[in-house]
Amino acid sequence: MAVSAASAWEAAIKAGMGKLTLDVPFERVAEVNGFDKLPITLAHAAAVATLPEHHRDPFDRMLVAQARSEGLTLVTHDRAIEPYGIPILWT
């Protein structure tokens, strides 16, 4: 299992805006739960350009690009991601 740097980045932005409270640093939660850290690479960034405009959120688009590039299943509750045709575990 992996967690993307994009998810940590989005959580940090939301925490900074007061929309999310992180009692424990995101990185620590990932470590405790045994997640591998998935960095954002230049190849991931380039892959975003090839995605159709099914979804406009840049963080979600990066997660889709990473899932496609790395052959991963994306865990989400966002139905707007479904048209990308990647493996999804619905929450």
Protein backbone atom coordinates (compact mmCIF):
# COMPACT_ATOMS: atom_id res chain seq x y z
CA MET A 1 0.00 0.00 0.00
CA ALA A 2 1.23 3.46 -0.84
CA VAL A 3 0.24 7.01 0.01
CA SER A 4 0.99 9.82 -2.39
CA ALA A 5 2.87 12.97 -1.55
CA ALA A 6 -0.09 14.67 -3.27
CA SER A 7 -2.37 13.50 -0.45
CA ALA A 8 0.02 14.83 2.20
CA TRP A 9 0.31 18.11 0.31
CA GLU A 10 -3.47 18.51 0.04
CA ALA A 11 -3.91 17.66 3.74
CA ALA A 12 -1.29 20.26 4.68
CA ILE A 13 -3.04 22.93 2.62
CA LYS A 14 -6.40 22.10 4.22
CA ALA A 15 -4.85 22.09 7.69
CA GLY A 16 -3.29 25.48 7.03
CA MET A 17 -6.70 26.83 6.01
CA GLY A 18 -8.34 25.43 9.14
CA LYS A 19 -10.46 22.95 7.15
CA LEU A 20 -8.67 19.90 8.57
CA THR A 21 -7.20 19.15 11.97
CA LEU A 22 -4.17 16.88 12.04
CA ASP A 23 -3.48 15.74 15.60
CA VAL A 24 -0.54 13.69 14.34
CA PRO A 25 1.69 14.62 11.39
CA PHE A 26 0.49 13.05 8.13
CA GLU A 27 3.85 11.36 7.59
CA ARG A 28 3.66 9.69 11.01
CA VAL A 29 0.16 8.35 10.31
CA ALA A 30 1.45 6.88 7.03
CA GLU A 31 4.41 5.25 8.78
CA VAL A 32 2.35 3.79 11.65
CA ASN A 33 -0.10 2.29 9.16
CA GLY A 34 2.64 0.75 7.02
CA PHE A 35 2.16 2.85 3.90
CA ASP A 36 4.99 3.25 1.42
CA LYS A 37 5.60 6.87 0.49
CA LEU A 38 4.89 7.59 -3.17
CA PRO A 39 6.73 10.71 -4.33
CA ILE A 40 5.54 12.87 -7.20
CA THR A 41 7.97 12.32 -10.06
CA LEU A 42 8.50 14.23 -13.27
CA ALA A 43 6.94 11.28 -15.11
CA HIS A 44 3.83 11.55 -12.92
CA ALA A 45 3.61 15.26 -13.67
CA ALA A 46 3.91 14.60 -17.41
CA ALA A 47 1.22 11.91 -17.20
CA VAL A 48 -1.30 14.47 -15.92
CA ALA A 49 -1.15 16.18 -19.32
CA THR A 50 -2.46 13.03 -21.00
CA LEU A 51 -5.58 12.78 -18.83
CA PRO A 52 -8.98 13.75 -20.20
CA GLU A 53 -10.76 16.52 -18.29
CA HIS A 54 -13.13 14.24 -16.34
CA HIS A 55 -11.98 15.84 -13.12
CA ARG A 56 -10.59 19.34 -12.54
CA ASP A 57 -9.08 18.95 -9.05
CA PRO A 58 -5.29 18.98 -9.52
CA PHE A 59 -4.63 16.70 -6.55
CA ASP A 60 -7.11 14.08 -7.75
CA ARG A 61 -5.71 14.30 -11.27
CA MET A 62 -2.22 13.64 -9.87
CA LEU A 63 -3.53 10.63 -7.94
CA VAL A 64 -5.08 9.26 -11.14
CA ALA A 65 -1.83 9.82 -13.05
CA GLN A 66 0.15 8.07 -10.33
CA ALA A 67 -2.27 5.14 -10.16
CA ARG A 68 -2.05 4.70 -13.93
CA SER A 69 1.73 5.07 -14.05
CA GLU A 70 2.43 2.77 -11.11
CA GLY A 71 -0.34 0.20 -11.71
CA LEU A 72 -2.00 1.02 -8.38
CA THR A 73 -5.57 0.91 -7.16
CA LEU A 74 -6.88 4.29 -6.03
CA VAL A 75 -8.90 4.48 -2.81
CA THR A 76 -11.57 7.17 -3.09
CA HIS A 77 -15.21 8.07 -2.62
CA ASP A 78 -15.16 10.55 -5.52
CA ARG A 79 -17.30 9.14 -8.35
CA ALA A 80 -15.91 11.74 -10.79
CA ILE A 81 -12.75 9.61 -10.97
CA GLU A 82 -14.57 6.56 -12.32
CA PRO A 83 -14.41 7.60 -16.03
CA TYR A 84 -10.62 7.33 -15.97
CA GLY A 85 -10.94 3.56 -15.97
CA ILE A 86 -8.34 2.90 -13.29
CA PRO A 87 -8.81 0.29 -10.55
CA ILE A 88 -10.71 1.89 -7.66
CA LEU A 89 -11.46 0.77 -4.12
CA TRP A 90 -14.59 2.72 -3.14
CA THR A 91 -14.87 4.13 0.38
